[in-house]
Amino acid sequence: MPLYEEIEIEDMTYDPETLMYSYPCPCGDRFKIHLDDLWDGEDVADCQSCTLFIQVIYEEEDLPPLPDEDSDSEDEAETKLKETAVTEENIIKAVDALSI
């Protein structure tokens, strides 16, 4: 595993939607590491286009918190329930309008 460089996490780009940290690779692609891996103590990011790796220098307190999967699922379920209720209400109104 050819280690290209040691990089401070502050120098990396974080994408909160994918939970990925990335850093430009000299090959033109990017080194990437997932937030879960960092919280698990992994500190090596790889580039999918070449054989280079970087070591990520960080402290756990510098990391954003992992998203709470349970609250996301509950929020999604609640939103779908509300959407269903609105749809049912609209159907009832439409049927009532046709009945007149």
Protein backbone atom coordinates (compact mmCIF):
# COMPACT_ATOMS: atom_id res chain seq x y z
CA MET A 1 0.00 0.00 0.00
CA PRO A 2 1.87 3.09 -1.23
CA LEU A 3 1.24 5.92 1.23
CA TYR A 4 1.20 9.16 -0.71
CA GLU A 5 0.92 11.66 2.13
CA GLU A 6 -0.42 12.42 5.61
CA ILE A 7 -3.32 14.89 5.39
CA GLU A 8 -5.03 16.85 8.18
CA ILE A 9 -8.79 16.33 8.11
CA GLU A 10 -9.27 20.11 8.04
CA ASP A 11 -7.65 20.10 4.58
CA MET A 12 -10.17 17.60 3.24
CA THR A 13 -13.62 18.33 1.78
CA TYR A 14 -16.64 16.92 3.64
CA ASP A 15 -19.92 16.10 1.89
CA PRO A 16 -22.72 15.83 4.49
CA GLU A 17 -25.07 14.10 2.03
CA THR A 18 -22.73 11.18 1.30
CA LEU A 19 -20.91 11.39 4.67
CA MET A 20 -17.62 11.25 2.75
CA TYR A 21 -14.36 13.13 3.20
CA SER A 22 -12.29 13.58 0.05
CA TYR A 23 -8.97 15.02 -1.05
CA PRO A 24 -7.51 15.49 -4.56
CA CYS A 25 -5.25 12.70 -5.80
CA PRO A 26 -2.36 13.46 -8.17
CA CYS A 27 -3.92 11.03 -10.69
CA GLY A 28 -6.87 13.42 -11.11
CA ASP A 29 -9.41 11.50 -9.05
CA ARG A 30 -9.97 11.88 -5.28
CA PHE A 31 -9.00 10.02 -2.13
CA LYS A 32 -12.17 9.16 -0.18
CA ILE A 33 -13.07 7.90 3.27
CA HIS A 34 -16.50 7.49 4.85
CA LEU A 35 -17.40 9.14 8.16
CA ASP A 36 -18.33 5.71 9.61
CA ASP A 37 -14.80 4.49 8.91
CA LEU A 38 -13.27 7.47 10.68
CA TRP A 39 -15.51 6.91 13.73
CA ASP A 40 -14.38 3.25 13.65
CA GLY A 41 -10.75 4.35 13.90
CA GLU A 42 -9.81 3.88 10.24
CA ASP A 43 -7.41 6.57 9.06
CA VAL A 44 -6.49 5.51 5.53
CA ALA A 45 -8.29 6.94 2.49
CA ASP A 46 -7.85 5.33 -0.90
CA CYS A 47 -8.16 6.49 -4.47
CA GLN A 48 -10.34 4.26 -6.65
CA SER A 49 -8.42 5.22 -9.81
CA CYS A 50 -4.89 4.39 -8.73
CA THR A 51 -2.92 2.59 -6.03
CA LEU A 52 -2.19 5.58 -3.79
CA PHE A 53 -3.44 6.05 -0.23
CA ILE A 54 -3.33 8.90 2.27
CA GLN A 55 -3.31 8.78 6.03
CA VAL A 56 -5.93 11.09 7.56
CA ILE A 57 -4.77 12.91 10.68
CA TYR A 58 -7.74 13.71 12.94
CA GLU A 59 -9.16 13.71 16.44
CA GLU A 60 -12.60 12.20 17.04
CA GLU A 61 -13.83 15.49 18.49
CA ASP A 62 -13.15 17.07 15.05
CA LEU A 63 -15.63 14.71 13.37
CA PRO A 64 -19.27 15.57 12.76
CA PRO A 65 -21.67 13.26 14.59
CA LEU A 66 -23.05 10.26 12.76
CA PRO A 67 -26.66 10.76 11.71
CA ASP A 68 -29.20 9.03 13.91
CA GLU A 69 -30.68 6.42 11.57
CA ASP A 70 -33.68 5.79 13.84
CA SER A 71 -34.81 9.42 13.91
CA ASP A 72 -34.42 9.67 10.12
CA SER A 73 -36.63 6.61 9.66
CA GLU A 74 -39.23 7.98 12.07
CA ASP A 75 -39.22 11.37 10.32
CA GLU A 76 -39.65 9.70 6.92
CA ALA A 77 -42.50 7.52 8.22
CA GLU A 78 -44.26 10.54 9.74
CA THR A 79 -43.91 12.51 6.49
CA LYS A 80 -45.33 9.61 4.45
CA LEU A 81 -48.23 9.27 6.88
CA LYS A 82 -49.05 12.99 6.52
CA GLU A 83 -48.81 12.76 2.72
CA THR A 84 -51.18 9.78 2.73
CA ALA A 85 -53.69 11.64 4.92
CA VAL A 86 -53.62 14.65 2.57
CA THR A 87 -54.06 12.38 -0.46
CA GLU A 88 -57.03 10.60 1.15
CA GLU A 89 -58.61 13.96 2.02
CA ASN A 90 -58.19 15.17 -1.57
CA ILE A 91 -59.77 11.97 -2.92
CA ILE A 92 -62.77 12.36 -0.61
CA LYS A 93 -63.22 15.98 -1.69
CA ALA A 94 -62.99 15.00 -5.36
CA VAL A 95 -65.57 12.21 -4.96
CA ASP A 96 -67.89 14.59 -3.06
CA ALA A 97 -67.53 17.16 -5.84
CA LEU A 98 -68.48 14.54 -8.45
CA SER A 99 -71.48 13.40 -6.42
CA ILE A 100 -73.12 16.82 -6.46
